[in-house]
Structures are given as C-alpha cells and as structure tokens.
C-alpha cells in the first residue's frame, strides 16, 4: 500500500504505478491539487489504485494503535495513523518516505521506507 508521500511523488514525477491506497491518501493528495485539476487527478487515482475505505477493521485497528501510542506518549498525526491502520487491517506493507511510521513497527505495521 502506498502512503501519501509516495503518491504525491509519483504525481510530481508524472510516473505511473498501481497498488492500493487508503481513502485518506486520496483526501490528502486532492486537497493539494488545483481545483481545476482535482476531478481529473481523482479519476486517475481511482483508475490506478485500489482505494481502501474506512470500515470497522480499519476503525478498530486505528483505536488500538492510537491508545498504544498515547500510553507511550508517541502520537503521530491522525491521518497517518488512519493510513497505517488501513495497511495493518488489510495485512499490507506500507511504502512511505515518512520515518515516523517506524514507531508503528513494534505494533505490527509492515513498512518499507523509500
């Protein structure tokens, strides 16, 4: 599964790649796109990637990792926790450029840093 940091880099480079992404990656990516191009980029993302939405598996996983990180005082941004929870709930490896996902490896996140 690709994190937002990877998807944005692909778009900037004009590169094509398939795979899975979280609905939250779609949201994060589109908020930074010029409104005149937003629909086109959204359509391209939906054609290129399997978009995984928010469901009970993701929600329950999010709550588990949130509380674990909160107890340790190591929270990361909520949207990144939701992306990680999506990967964990669907047993996918998260490809990212963001090092703070390292904190989630002990909780079961499979992560590949690019």
PDB file of N, CA and C in Angstrom:
ATOM      1  N   UNK A   1       0.846  -1.169   0.000  1.00  0.00           N
ATOM      2  CA  UNK A   1       0.000   0.000   0.000  1.00  0.00           C
ATOM      3  C   UNK A   1       0.893   1.234   0.000  1.00  0.00           C
ATOM      4  N   UNK A   2       0.508   2.227  -0.786  1.00  0.00           N
ATOM      5  CA  UNK A   2       1.328   3.422  -0.902  1.00  0.00           C
ATOM      6  C   UNK A   2       0.818   4.528   0.016  1.00  0.00           C
ATOM      7  N   UNK A   3       1.737   5.161   0.725  1.00  0.00           N
ATOM      8  CA  UNK A   3       1.422   6.310   1.567  1.00  0.00           C
ATOM      9  C   UNK A   3       1.306   7.549   0.691  1.00  0.00           C
ATOM     10  N   UNK A   4       0.715   8.582   1.224  1.00  0.00           N
ATOM     11  CA  UNK A   4       0.541   9.839   0.511  1.00  0.00           C
ATOM     12  C   UNK A   4       1.864  10.387  -0.002  1.00  0.00           C
ATOM     13  N   UNK A   5       2.911  10.282   0.799  1.00  0.00           N
ATOM     14  CA  UNK A   5       4.220  10.820   0.388  1.00  0.00           C
ATOM     15  C   UNK A   5       4.698  10.182  -0.911  1.00  0.00           C
ATOM     16  N   UNK A   6       4.407   8.922  -1.101  1.00  0.00           N
ATOM     17  CA  UNK A   6       4.817   8.207  -2.312  1.00  0.00           C
ATOM     18  C   UNK A   6       3.913   8.591  -3.489  1.00  0.00           C
ATOM     19  N   UNK A   7       2.612   8.663  -3.253  1.00  0.00           N
ATOM     20  CA  UNK A   7       1.675   9.018  -4.320  1.00  0.00           C
ATOM     21  C   UNK A   7       1.952  10.427  -4.840  1.00  0.00           C
ATOM     22  N   UNK A   8       2.171  11.369  -3.937  1.00  0.00           N
ATOM     23  CA  UNK A   8       2.457  12.745  -4.349  1.00  0.00           C
ATOM     24  C   UNK A   8       3.734  12.792  -5.175  1.00  0.00           C
ATOM     25  N   UNK A   9       4.738  12.048  -4.774  1.00  0.00           N
ATOM     26  CA  UNK A   9       5.992  11.999  -5.530  1.00  0.00           C
ATOM     27  C   UNK A   9       5.770  11.424  -6.927  1.00  0.00           C
ATOM     28  N   UNK A  10       4.961  10.382  -7.034  1.00  0.00           N
ATOM     29  CA  UNK A  10       4.649   9.799  -8.338  1.00  0.00           C
ATOM     30  C   UNK A  10       3.950  10.819  -9.240  1.00  0.00           C
ATOM     31  N   UNK A  11       3.003  11.537  -8.671  1.00  0.00           N
ATOM     32  CA  UNK A  11       2.276  12.547  -9.447  1.00  0.00           C
ATOM     33  C   UNK A  11       3.226  13.645  -9.915  1.00  0.00           C
ATOM     34  N   UNK A  12       4.067  14.117  -9.016  1.00  0.00           N
ATOM     35  CA  UNK A  12       5.023  15.178  -9.377  1.00  0.00           C
ATOM     36  C   UNK A  12       5.959  14.751 -10.500  1.00  0.00           C
ATOM     37  N   UNK A  13       6.359  13.502 -10.478  1.00  0.00           N
ATOM     38  CA  UNK A  13       7.289  12.981 -11.491  1.00  0.00           C
ATOM     39  C   UNK A  13       6.574  12.536 -12.769  1.00  0.00           C
ATOM     40  N   UNK A  14       5.241  12.485 -12.723  1.00  0.00           N
ATOM     41  CA  UNK A  14       4.482  12.005 -13.871  1.00  0.00           C
ATOM     42  C   UNK A  14       4.660  10.519 -14.098  1.00  0.00           C
ATOM     43  N   UNK A  15       4.928   9.779 -13.013  1.00  0.00           N
ATOM     44  CA  UNK A  15       5.134   8.334 -13.096  1.00  0.00           C
ATOM     45  C   UNK A  15       3.835   7.597 -12.788  1.00  0.00           C
ATOM     46  N   UNK A  16       3.696   6.430 -13.368  1.00  0.00           N
ATOM     47  CA  UNK A  16       2.513   5.606 -13.155  1.00  0.00           C
ATOM     48  C   UNK A  16       2.888   4.356 -12.375  1.00  0.00           C
ATOM     49  N   UNK A  17       2.034   3.996 -11.455  1.00  0.00           N
ATOM     50  CA  UNK A  17       2.229   2.777 -10.672  1.00  0.00           C
ATOM     51  C   UNK A  17       0.874   2.333 -10.147  1.00  0.00           C
ATOM     52  N   UNK A  18       0.683   1.052 -10.013  1.00  0.00           N
ATOM     53  CA  UNK A  18      -0.563   0.538  -9.459  1.00  0.00           C
ATOM     54  C   UNK A  18      -0.317   0.077  -8.031  1.00  0.00           C
ATOM     55  N   UNK A  19      -1.383  -0.242  -7.346  1.00  0.00           N
ATOM     56  CA  UNK A  19      -1.292  -0.726  -5.976  1.00  0.00           C
ATOM     57  C   UNK A  19      -2.519  -0.294  -5.196  1.00  0.00           C
ATOM     58  N   UNK A  20      -2.410  -0.359  -3.895  1.00  0.00           N
ATOM     59  CA  UNK A  20      -3.502   0.037  -3.007  1.00  0.00           C
ATOM     60  C   UNK A  20      -3.147   1.336  -2.299  1.00  0.00           C
ATOM     61  N   UNK A  21      -4.192   2.118  -2.018  1.00  0.00           N
ATOM     62  CA  UNK A  21      -4.038   3.324  -1.200  1.00  0.00           C
ATOM     63  C   UNK A  21      -5.245   3.437  -0.285  1.00  0.00           C
ATOM     64  N   UNK A  22      -5.085   4.182   0.769  1.00  0.00           N
ATOM     65  CA  UNK A  22      -6.182   4.470   1.688  1.00  0.00           C
ATOM     66  C   UNK A  22      -7.007   5.628   1.144  1.00  0.00           C
ATOM     67  N   UNK A  23      -8.276   5.662   1.492  1.00  0.00           N
ATOM     68  CA  UNK A  23      -9.113   6.803   1.148  1.00  0.00           C
ATOM     69  C   UNK A  23      -8.510   8.092   1.703  1.00  0.00           C
ATOM     70  N   UNK A  24      -7.777   7.976   2.803  1.00  0.00           N
ATOM     71  CA  UNK A  24      -7.162   9.160   3.412  1.00  0.00           C
ATOM     72  C   UNK A  24      -6.002   9.679   2.573  1.00  0.00           C
ATOM     73  N   UNK A  25      -5.370   8.811   1.820  1.00  0.00           N
ATOM     74  CA  UNK A  25      -4.345   9.253   0.874  1.00  0.00           C
ATOM     75  C   UNK A  25      -4.996  10.030  -0.266  1.00  0.00           C
ATOM     76  N   UNK A  26      -6.159   9.578  -0.701  1.00  0.00           N
ATOM     77  CA  UNK A  26      -6.891  10.317  -1.734  1.00  0.00           C
ATOM     78  C   UNK A  26      -7.197  11.725  -1.226  1.00  0.00           C
ATOM     79  N   UNK A  27      -7.722  11.816  -0.021  1.00  0.00           N
ATOM     80  CA  UNK A  27      -8.083  13.114   0.563  1.00  0.00           C
ATOM     81  C   UNK A  27      -6.861  14.010   0.704  1.00  0.00           C
ATOM     82  N   UNK A  28      -5.787  13.478   1.288  1.00  0.00           N
ATOM     83  CA  UNK A  28      -4.578  14.284   1.476  1.00  0.00           C
ATOM     84  C   UNK A  28      -4.008  14.769   0.148  1.00  0.00           C
ATOM     85  N   UNK A  29      -4.039  13.913  -0.850  1.00  0.00           N
ATOM     86  CA  UNK A  29      -3.491  14.274  -2.154  1.00  0.00           C
ATOM     87  C   UNK A  29      -4.356  15.336  -2.831  1.00  0.00           C
ATOM     88  N   UNK A  30      -5.649  15.129  -2.850  1.00  0.00           N
ATOM     89  CA  UNK A  30      -6.544  16.032  -3.571  1.00  0.00           C
ATOM     90  C   UNK A  30      -6.641  17.413  -2.945  1.00  0.00           C
ATOM     91  N   UNK A  31      -6.443  17.515  -1.638  1.00  0.00           N
ATOM     92  CA  UNK A  31      -6.529  18.849  -1.025  1.00  0.00           C
ATOM     93  C   UNK A  31      -5.407  19.758  -1.503  1.00  0.00           C
ATOM     94  N   UNK A  32      -4.339  19.182  -2.011  1.00  0.00           N
ATOM     95  CA  UNK A  32      -3.219  19.972  -2.512  1.00  0.00           C
ATOM     96  C   UNK A  32      -3.244  20.205  -4.013  1.00  0.00           C
ATOM     97  N   UNK A  33      -4.289  19.705  -4.683  1.00  0.00           N
ATOM     98  CA  UNK A  33      -4.380  19.815  -6.144  1.00  0.00           C
ATOM     99  C   UNK A  33      -5.233  21.031  -6.503  1.00  0.00           C
ATOM    100  N   UNK A  34      -4.798  21.749  -7.511  1.00  0.00           N
ATOM    101  CA  UNK A  34      -5.555  22.888  -8.026  1.00  0.00           C
ATOM    102  C   UNK A  34      -6.990  22.450  -8.309  1.00  0.00           C
ATOM    103  N   UNK A  35      -7.975  23.252  -7.882  1.00  0.00           N
ATOM    104  CA  UNK A  35      -9.375  22.862  -8.079  1.00  0.00           C
ATOM    105  C   UNK A  35      -9.736  22.527  -9.530  1.00  0.00           C
ATOM    106  N   UNK A  36      -9.095  23.171 -10.484  1.00  0.00           N
ATOM    107  CA  UNK A  36      -9.385  22.899 -11.897  1.00  0.00           C
ATOM    108  C   UNK A  36      -8.889  21.524 -12.343  1.00  0.00           C
ATOM    109  N   UNK A  37      -7.957  20.952 -11.607  1.00  0.00           N
ATOM    110  CA  UNK A  37      -7.377  19.656 -11.968  1.00  0.00           C
ATOM    111  C   UNK A  37      -7.837  18.533 -11.042  1.00  0.00           C
ATOM    112  N   UNK A  38      -8.547  18.885  -9.984  1.00  0.00           N
ATOM    113  CA  UNK A  38      -8.875  17.920  -8.921  1.00  0.00           C
ATOM    114  C   UNK A  38      -9.668  16.711  -9.420  1.00  0.00           C
ATOM    115  N   UNK A  39     -10.698  16.918 -10.206  1.00  0.00           N
ATOM    116  CA  UNK A  39     -11.524  15.801 -10.693  1.00  0.00           C
ATOM    117  C   UNK A  39     -10.697  14.867 -11.566  1.00  0.00           C
ATOM    118  N   UNK A  40      -9.869  15.441 -12.422  1.00  0.00           N
ATOM    119  CA  UNK A  40      -9.031  14.616 -13.311  1.00  0.00           C
ATOM    120  C   UNK A  40      -8.050  13.768 -12.501  1.00  0.00           C
ATOM    121  N   UNK A  41      -7.406  14.380 -11.509  1.00  0.00           N
ATOM    122  CA  UNK A  41      -6.453  13.653 -10.670  1.00  0.00           C
ATOM    123  C   UNK A  41      -7.179  12.571  -9.874  1.00  0.00           C
ATOM    124  N   UNK A  42      -8.343  12.888  -9.339  1.00  0.00           N
ATOM    125  CA  UNK A  42      -9.123  11.899  -8.581  1.00  0.00           C
ATOM    126  C   UNK A  42      -9.462  10.699  -9.461  1.00  0.00           C
ATOM    127  N   UNK A  43      -9.932  10.969 -10.674  1.00  0.00           N
ATOM    128  CA  UNK A  43     -10.268   9.879 -11.589  1.00  0.00           C
ATOM    129  C   UNK A  43      -9.058   9.027 -11.926  1.00  0.00           C
ATOM    130  N   UNK A  44      -7.920   9.665 -12.152  1.00  0.00           N
ATOM    131  CA  UNK A  44      -6.685   8.921 -12.438  1.00  0.00           C
ATOM    132  C   UNK A  44      -6.277   8.061 -11.250  1.00  0.00           C
ATOM    133  N   UNK A  45      -6.387   8.618 -10.038  1.00  0.00           N
ATOM    134  CA  UNK A  45      -6.031   7.857  -8.837  1.00  0.00           C
ATOM    135  C   UNK A  45      -6.935   6.640  -8.685  1.00  0.00           C
ATOM    136  N   UNK A  46      -8.220   6.816  -8.929  1.00  0.00           N
ATOM    137  CA  UNK A  46      -9.165   5.712  -8.775  1.00  0.00           C
ATOM    138  C   UNK A  46      -8.964   4.631  -9.837  1.00  0.00           C
ATOM    139  N   UNK A  47      -8.448   5.009 -10.999  1.00  0.00           N
ATOM    140  CA  UNK A  47      -8.151   4.019 -12.036  1.00  0.00           C
ATOM    141  C   UNK A  47      -6.851   3.275 -11.732  1.00  0.00           C
ATOM    142  N   UNK A  48      -5.870   3.985 -11.193  1.00  0.00           N
ATOM    143  CA  UNK A  48      -4.556   3.394 -10.958  1.00  0.00           C
ATOM    144  C   UNK A  48      -4.496   2.556  -9.687  1.00  0.00           C
ATOM    145  N   UNK A  49      -5.240   2.975  -8.664  1.00  0.00           N
ATOM    146  CA  UNK A  49      -5.100   2.354  -7.353  1.00  0.00           C
ATOM    147  C   UNK A  49      -6.403   1.734  -6.869  1.00  0.00           C
ATOM    148  N   UNK A  50      -6.259   0.674  -6.093  1.00  0.00           N
ATOM    149  CA  UNK A  50      -7.404   0.140  -5.350  1.00  0.00           C
ATOM    150  C   UNK A  50      -7.520   1.011  -4.102  1.00  0.00           C
ATOM    151  N   UNK A  51      -8.611   1.733  -3.984  1.00  0.00           N
ATOM    152  CA  UNK A  51      -8.815   2.626  -2.846  1.00  0.00           C
ATOM    153  C   UNK A  51      -9.540   1.860  -1.742  1.00  0.00           C
ATOM    154  N   UNK A  52      -8.900   1.793  -0.575  1.00  0.00           N
ATOM    155  CA  UNK A  52      -9.482   1.088   0.569  1.00  0.00           C
ATOM    156  C   UNK A  52     -10.124   2.122   1.487  1.00  0.00           C
ATOM    157  N   UNK A  53     -11.409   1.947   1.736  1.00  0.00           N
ATOM    158  CA  UNK A  53     -12.166   2.900   2.537  1.00  0.00           C
ATOM    159  C   UNK A  53     -12.079   2.629   4.033  1.00  0.00           C
ATOM    160  N   UNK A  54     -12.801   3.433   4.773  1.00  0.00           N
ATOM    161  CA  UNK A  54     -12.881   3.295   6.222  1.00  0.00           C
ATOM    162  C   UNK A  54     -13.975   2.279   6.542  1.00  0.00           C
ATOM    163  N   UNK A  55     -13.592   1.231   7.247  1.00  0.00           N
ATOM    164  CA  UNK A  55     -14.557   0.221   7.672  1.00  0.00           C
ATOM    165  C   UNK A  55     -14.247  -0.167   9.115  1.00  0.00           C
ATOM    166  N   UNK A  56     -14.990  -1.118   9.638  1.00  0.00           N
ATOM    167  CA  UNK A  56     -14.810  -1.499  11.041  1.00  0.00           C
ATOM    168  C   UNK A  56     -13.417  -2.048  11.327  1.00  0.00           C
ATOM    169  N   UNK A  57     -12.835  -2.785  10.383  1.00  0.00           N
ATOM    170  CA  UNK A  57     -11.478  -3.323  10.598  1.00  0.00           C
ATOM    171  C   UNK A  57     -10.480  -2.190  10.771  1.00  0.00           C
ATOM    172  N   UNK A  58     -10.571  -1.189   9.911  1.00  0.00           N
ATOM    173  CA  UNK A  58      -9.656  -0.048   9.985  1.00  0.00           C
ATOM    174  C   UNK A  58      -9.919   0.734  11.266  1.00  0.00           C
ATOM    175  N   UNK A  59     -11.174   0.973  11.578  1.00  0.00           N
ATOM    176  CA  UNK A  59     -11.539   1.725  12.776  1.00  0.00           C
ATOM    177  C   UNK A  59     -11.009   1.061  14.044  1.00  0.00           C
ATOM    178  N   UNK A  60     -11.205  -0.238  14.166  1.00  0.00           N
ATOM    179  CA  UNK A  60     -10.736  -0.956  15.359  1.00  0.00           C
ATOM    180  C   UNK A  60      -9.211  -0.961  15.443  1.00  0.00           C
ATOM    181  N   UNK A  61      -8.554  -1.143  14.326  1.00  0.00           N
ATOM    182  CA  UNK A  61      -7.089  -1.117  14.309  1.00  0.00           C
ATOM    183  C   UNK A  61      -6.580   0.264  14.682  1.00  0.00           C
ATOM    184  N   UNK A  62      -7.195   1.302  14.136  1.00  0.00           N
ATOM    185  CA  UNK A  62      -6.822   2.679  14.474  1.00  0.00           C
ATOM    186  C   UNK A  62      -6.898   2.897  15.986  1.00  0.00           C
ATOM    187  N   UNK A  63      -8.008   2.501  16.592  1.00  0.00           N
ATOM    188  CA  UNK A  63      -8.182   2.714  18.042  1.00  0.00           C
ATOM    189  C   UNK A  63      -7.110   1.983  18.843  1.00  0.00           C
ATOM    190  N   UNK A  64      -6.777   0.772  18.435  1.00  0.00           N
ATOM    191  CA  UNK A  64      -5.740   0.006  19.136  1.00  0.00           C
ATOM    192  C   UNK A  64      -4.382   0.699  19.055  1.00  0.00           C
ATOM    193  N   UNK A  65      -3.990   1.119  17.872  1.00  0.00           N
ATOM    194  CA  UNK A  65      -2.662   1.735  17.749  1.00  0.00           C
ATOM    195  C   UNK A  65      -2.646   3.127  18.369  1.00  0.00           C
ATOM    196  N   UNK A  66      -3.762   3.850  18.299  1.00  0.00           N
ATOM    197  CA  UNK A  66      -3.831   5.167  18.930  1.00  0.00           C
ATOM    198  C   UNK A  66      -3.577   5.061  20.429  1.00  0.00           C
ATOM    199  N   UNK A  67      -4.289   4.142  21.088  1.00  0.00           N
ATOM    200  CA  UNK A  67      -4.134   4.010  22.536  1.00  0.00           C
ATOM    201  C   UNK A  67      -2.749   3.501  22.922  1.00  0.00           C
ATOM    202  N   UNK A  68      -2.204   2.633  22.135  1.00  0.00           N
ATOM    203  CA  UNK A  68      -0.860   2.144  22.419  1.00  0.00           C
ATOM    204  C   UNK A  68       0.158   3.282  22.330  1.00  0.00           C
ATOM    205  N   UNK A  69       0.070   4.084  21.277  1.00  0.00           N
ATOM    206  CA  UNK A  69       0.990   5.221  21.121  1.00  0.00           C
ATOM    207  C   UNK A  69       0.734   6.294  22.176  1.00  0.00           C
ATOM    208  N   UNK A  70      -0.517   6.513  22.504  1.00  0.00           N
ATOM    209  CA  UNK A  70      -0.845   7.531  23.517  1.00  0.00           C
ATOM    210  C   UNK A  70      -0.249   7.169  24.873  1.00  0.00           C
ATOM    211  N   UNK A  71      -0.345   5.897  25.240  1.00  0.00           N
ATOM    212  CA  UNK A  71       0.236   5.454  26.525  1.00  0.00           C
ATOM    213  C   UNK A  71       1.741   5.691  26.559  1.00  0.00           C
ATOM    214  N   UNK A  72       2.383   5.568  25.400  1.00  0.00           N
ATOM    215  CA  UNK A  72       3.834   5.762  25.329  1.00  0.00           C
ATOM    216  C   UNK A  72       4.209   7.220  25.066  1.00  0.00           C
ATOM    217  N   UNK A  73       3.223   8.075  24.827  1.00  0.00           N
ATOM    218  CA  UNK A  73       3.489   9.478  24.532  1.00  0.00           C
ATOM    219  C   UNK A  73       4.161   9.678  23.185  1.00  0.00           C
ATOM    220  N   UNK A  74       3.802   8.854  22.195  1.00  0.00           N
ATOM    221  CA  UNK A  74       4.457   8.880  20.889  1.00  0.00           C
ATOM    222  C   UNK A  74       3.465   9.030  19.750  1.00  0.00           C
ATOM    223  N   UNK A  75       2.458   9.861  19.909  1.00  0.00           N
ATOM    224  CA  UNK A  75       1.444  10.003  18.862  1.00  0.00           C
ATOM    225  C   UNK A  75       2.036  10.579  17.583  1.00  0.00           C
ATOM    226  N   UNK A  76       1.426  10.185  16.472  1.00  0.00           N
ATOM    227  CA  UNK A  76       1.736  10.761  15.169  1.00  0.00           C
ATOM    228  C   UNK A  76       0.417  11.315  14.625  1.00  0.00           C
ATOM    229  N   UNK A  77       0.441  12.121  13.582  1.00  0.00           N
ATOM    230  CA  UNK A  77      -0.809  12.718  13.078  1.00  0.00           C
ATOM    231  C   UNK A  77      -1.895  11.679  12.798  1.00  0.00           C
ATOM    232  N   UNK A  78      -3.141  12.060  13.125  1.00  0.00           N
ATOM    233  CA  UNK A  78      -4.268  11.138  12.972  1.00  0.00           C
ATOM    234  C   UNK A  78      -4.396  10.564  11.570  1.00  0.00           C
ATOM    235  N   UNK A  79      -4.232  11.395  10.563  1.00  0.00           N
ATOM    236  CA  UNK A  79      -4.402  10.872   9.199  1.00  0.00           C
ATOM    237  C   UNK A  79      -3.352   9.798   8.899  1.00  0.00           C
ATOM    238  N   UNK A  80      -2.141   9.957   9.422  1.00  0.00           N
ATOM    239  CA  UNK A  80      -1.118   8.924   9.231  1.00  0.00           C
ATOM    240  C   UNK A  80      -1.456   7.666  10.023  1.00  0.00           C
ATOM    241  N   UNK A  81      -2.050   7.835  11.194  1.00  0.00           N
ATOM    242  CA  UNK A  81      -2.497   6.662  11.953  1.00  0.00           C
ATOM    243  C   UNK A  81      -3.599   5.922  11.192  1.00  0.00           C
ATOM    244  N   UNK A  82      -4.486   6.659  10.557  1.00  0.00           N
ATOM    245  CA  UNK A  82      -5.553   6.024   9.772  1.00  0.00           C
ATOM    246  C   UNK A  82      -4.998   5.295   8.557  1.00  0.00           C
ATOM    247  N   UNK A  83      -3.997   5.864   7.915  1.00  0.00           N
ATOM    248  CA  UNK A  83      -3.355   5.193   6.781  1.00  0.00           C
ATOM    249  C   UNK A  83      -2.654   3.924   7.259  1.00  0.00           C
ATOM    250  N   UNK A  84      -1.927   4.026   8.366  1.00  0.00           N
ATOM    251  CA  UNK A  84      -1.248   2.849   8.922  1.00  0.00           C
ATOM    252  C   UNK A  84      -2.254   1.790   9.358  1.00  0.00           C
ATOM    253  N   UNK A  85      -3.351   2.227   9.969  1.00  0.00           N
ATOM    254  CA  UNK A  85      -4.382   1.284  10.407  1.00  0.00           C
ATOM    255  C   UNK A  85      -4.991   0.547   9.218  1.00  0.00           C
ATOM    256  N   UNK A  86      -5.133   1.243   8.099  1.00  0.00           N
ATOM    257  CA  UNK A  86      -5.650   0.610   6.888  1.00  0.00           C
ATOM    258  C   UNK A  86      -4.694  -0.494   6.422  1.00  0.00           C
ATOM    259  N   UNK A  87      -3.410  -0.171   6.375  1.00  0.00           N
ATOM    260  CA  UNK A  87      -2.415  -1.169   5.972  1.00  0.00           C
ATOM    261  C   UNK A  87      -2.425  -2.362   6.924  1.00  0.00           C
ATOM    262  N   UNK A  88      -2.453  -2.079   8.221  1.00  0.00           N
ATOM    263  CA  UNK A  88      -2.432  -3.155   9.208  1.00  0.00           C
ATOM    264  C   UNK A  88      -3.700  -4.004   9.138  1.00  0.00           C
ATOM    265  N   UNK A  89      -4.854  -3.371   8.988  1.00  0.00           N
ATOM    266  CA  UNK A  89      -6.129  -4.091   8.955  1.00  0.00           C
ATOM    267  C   UNK A  89      -6.208  -5.033   7.760  1.00  0.00           C
ATOM    268  N   UNK A  90      -5.542  -4.667   6.679  1.00  0.00           N
ATOM    269  CA  UNK A  90      -5.577  -5.486   5.457  1.00  0.00           C
ATOM    270  C   UNK A  90      -4.275  -6.237   5.210  1.00  0.00           C
ATOM    271  N   UNK A  91      -3.410  -6.260   6.235  1.00  0.00           N
ATOM    272  CA  UNK A  91      -2.157  -7.007   6.178  1.00  0.00           C
ATOM    273  C   UNK A  91      -1.310  -6.630   4.956  1.00  0.00           C
ATOM    274  N   UNK A  92      -1.188  -5.319   4.729  1.00  0.00           N
ATOM    275  CA  UNK A  92      -0.414  -4.798   3.607  1.00  0.00           C
ATOM    276  C   UNK A  92       0.855  -4.116   4.115  1.00  0.00           C
ATOM    277  N   UNK A  93       1.878  -4.101   3.302  1.00  0.00           N
ATOM    278  CA  UNK A  93       3.103  -3.362   3.618  1.00  0.00           C
ATOM    279  C   UNK A  93       2.911  -1.928   3.154  1.00  0.00           C
ATOM    280  N   UNK A  94       3.190  -0.987   4.034  1.00  0.00           N
ATOM    281  CA  UNK A  94       3.064   0.433   3.712  1.00  0.00           C
ATOM    282  C   UNK A  94       4.386   0.945   3.162  1.00  0.00           C
ATOM    283  N   UNK A  95       4.346   1.478   1.946  1.00  0.00           N
ATOM    284  CA  UNK A  95       5.528   2.098   1.353  1.00  0.00           C
ATOM    285  C   UNK A  95       5.430   3.592   1.591  1.00  0.00           C
ATOM    286  N   UNK A  96       6.463   4.173   2.206  1.00  0.00           N
ATOM    287  CA  UNK A  96       6.407   5.566   2.620  1.00  0.00           C
ATOM    288  C   UNK A  96       7.784   6.205   2.611  1.00  0.00           C
ATOM    289  N   UNK A  97       7.777   7.520   2.670  1.00  0.00           N
ATOM    290  CA  UNK A  97       9.006   8.285   2.844  1.00  0.00           C
ATOM    291  C   UNK A  97       9.061   8.881   4.257  1.00  0.00           C
ATOM    292  N   UNK A  98       7.976   8.733   5.020  1.00  0.00           N
ATOM    293  CA  UNK A  98       7.855   9.340   6.344  1.00  0.00           C
ATOM    294  C   UNK A  98       8.362   8.405   7.438  1.00  0.00           C
ATOM    295  N   UNK A  99       9.420   8.828   8.108  1.00  0.00           N
ATOM    296  CA  UNK A  99      10.080   7.983   9.106  1.00  0.00           C
ATOM    297  C   UNK A  99       9.283   7.778  10.393  1.00  0.00           C
ATOM    298  N   UNK A 100       8.295   8.643  10.673  1.00  0.00           N
ATOM    299  CA  UNK A 100       7.570   8.445  11.932  1.00  0.00           C
ATOM    300  C   UNK A 100       6.743   7.152  11.938  1.00  0.00           C
ATOM    301  N   UNK A 101       6.553   6.540  10.782  1.00  0.00           N
ATOM    302  CA  UNK A 101       5.869   5.238  10.746  1.00  0.00           C
ATOM    303  C   UNK A 101       6.716   4.149  11.415  1.00  0.00           C
ATOM    304  N   UNK A 102       7.994   4.419  11.594  1.00  0.00           N
ATOM    305  CA  UNK A 102       8.888   3.488  12.282  1.00  0.00           C
ATOM    306  C   UNK A 102       8.323   3.104  13.659  1.00  0.00           C
ATOM    307  N   UNK A 103       7.680   4.071  14.323  1.00  0.00           N
ATOM    308  CA  UNK A 103       7.121   3.833  15.669  1.00  0.00           C
ATOM    309  C   UNK A 103       6.033   2.763  15.667  1.00  0.00           C
ATOM    310  N   UNK A 104       5.476   2.477  14.517  1.00  0.00           N
ATOM    311  CA  UNK A 104       4.374   1.519  14.437  1.00  0.00           C
ATOM    312  C   UNK A 104       4.824   0.100  14.118  1.00  0.00           C
ATOM    313  N   UNK A 105       6.097  -0.062  13.798  1.00  0.00           N
ATOM    314  CA  UNK A 105       6.599  -1.412  13.511  1.00  0.00           C
ATOM    315  C   UNK A 105       6.411  -2.362  14.685  1.00  0.00           C
ATOM    316  N   UNK A 106       6.714  -1.936  15.928  1.00  0.00           N
ATOM    317  CA  UNK A 106       6.501  -2.864  17.054  1.00  0.00           C
ATOM    318  C   UNK A 106       5.033  -3.243  17.268  1.00  0.00           C
ATOM    319  N   UNK A 107       4.132  -2.449  16.691  1.00  0.00           N
ATOM    320  CA  UNK A 107       2.708  -2.732  16.832  1.00  0.00           C
ATOM    321  C   UNK A 107       2.178  -3.594  15.683  1.00  0.00           C
ATOM    322  N   UNK A 108       3.054  -3.932  14.756  1.00  0.00           N
ATOM    323  CA  UNK A 108       2.679  -4.841  13.673  1.00  0.00           C
ATOM    324  C   UNK A 108       2.621  -4.232  12.285  1.00  0.00           C
ATOM    325  N   UNK A 109       2.949  -2.959  12.137  1.00  0.00           N
ATOM    326  CA  UNK A 109       2.943  -2.361  10.805  1.00  0.00           C
ATOM    327  C   UNK A 109       4.132  -2.876  10.015  1.00  0.00           C
ATOM    328  N   UNK A 110       3.813  -3.398   8.837  1.00  0.00           N
ATOM    329  CA  UNK A 110       4.888  -3.760   7.898  1.00  0.00           C
ATOM    330  C   UNK A 110       5.139  -2.514   7.050  1.00  0.00           C
ATOM    331  N   UNK A 111       6.370  -2.041   7.071  1.00  0.00           N
ATOM    332  CA  UNK A 111       6.656  -0.783   6.406  1.00  0.00           C
ATOM    333  C   UNK A 111       7.940  -0.893   5.581  1.00  0.00           C
ATOM    334  N   UNK A 112       7.905  -0.263   4.418  1.00  0.00           N
ATOM    335  CA  UNK A 112       9.068  -0.197   3.542  1.00  0.00           C
ATOM    336  C   UNK A 112       9.346   1.284   3.315  1.00  0.00           C
ATOM    337  N   UNK A 113      10.536   1.731   3.730  1.00  0.00           N
ATOM    338  CA  UNK A 113      10.894   3.135   3.571  1.00  0.00           C
ATOM    339  C   UNK A 113      11.594   3.335   2.236  1.00  0.00           C
ATOM    340  N   UNK A 114      11.168   4.350   1.509  1.00  0.00           N
ATOM    341  CA  UNK A 114      11.750   4.666   0.209  1.00  0.00           C
ATOM    342  C   UNK A 114      12.648   5.879   0.320  1.00  0.00           C
TER     343      UNK A 114
END
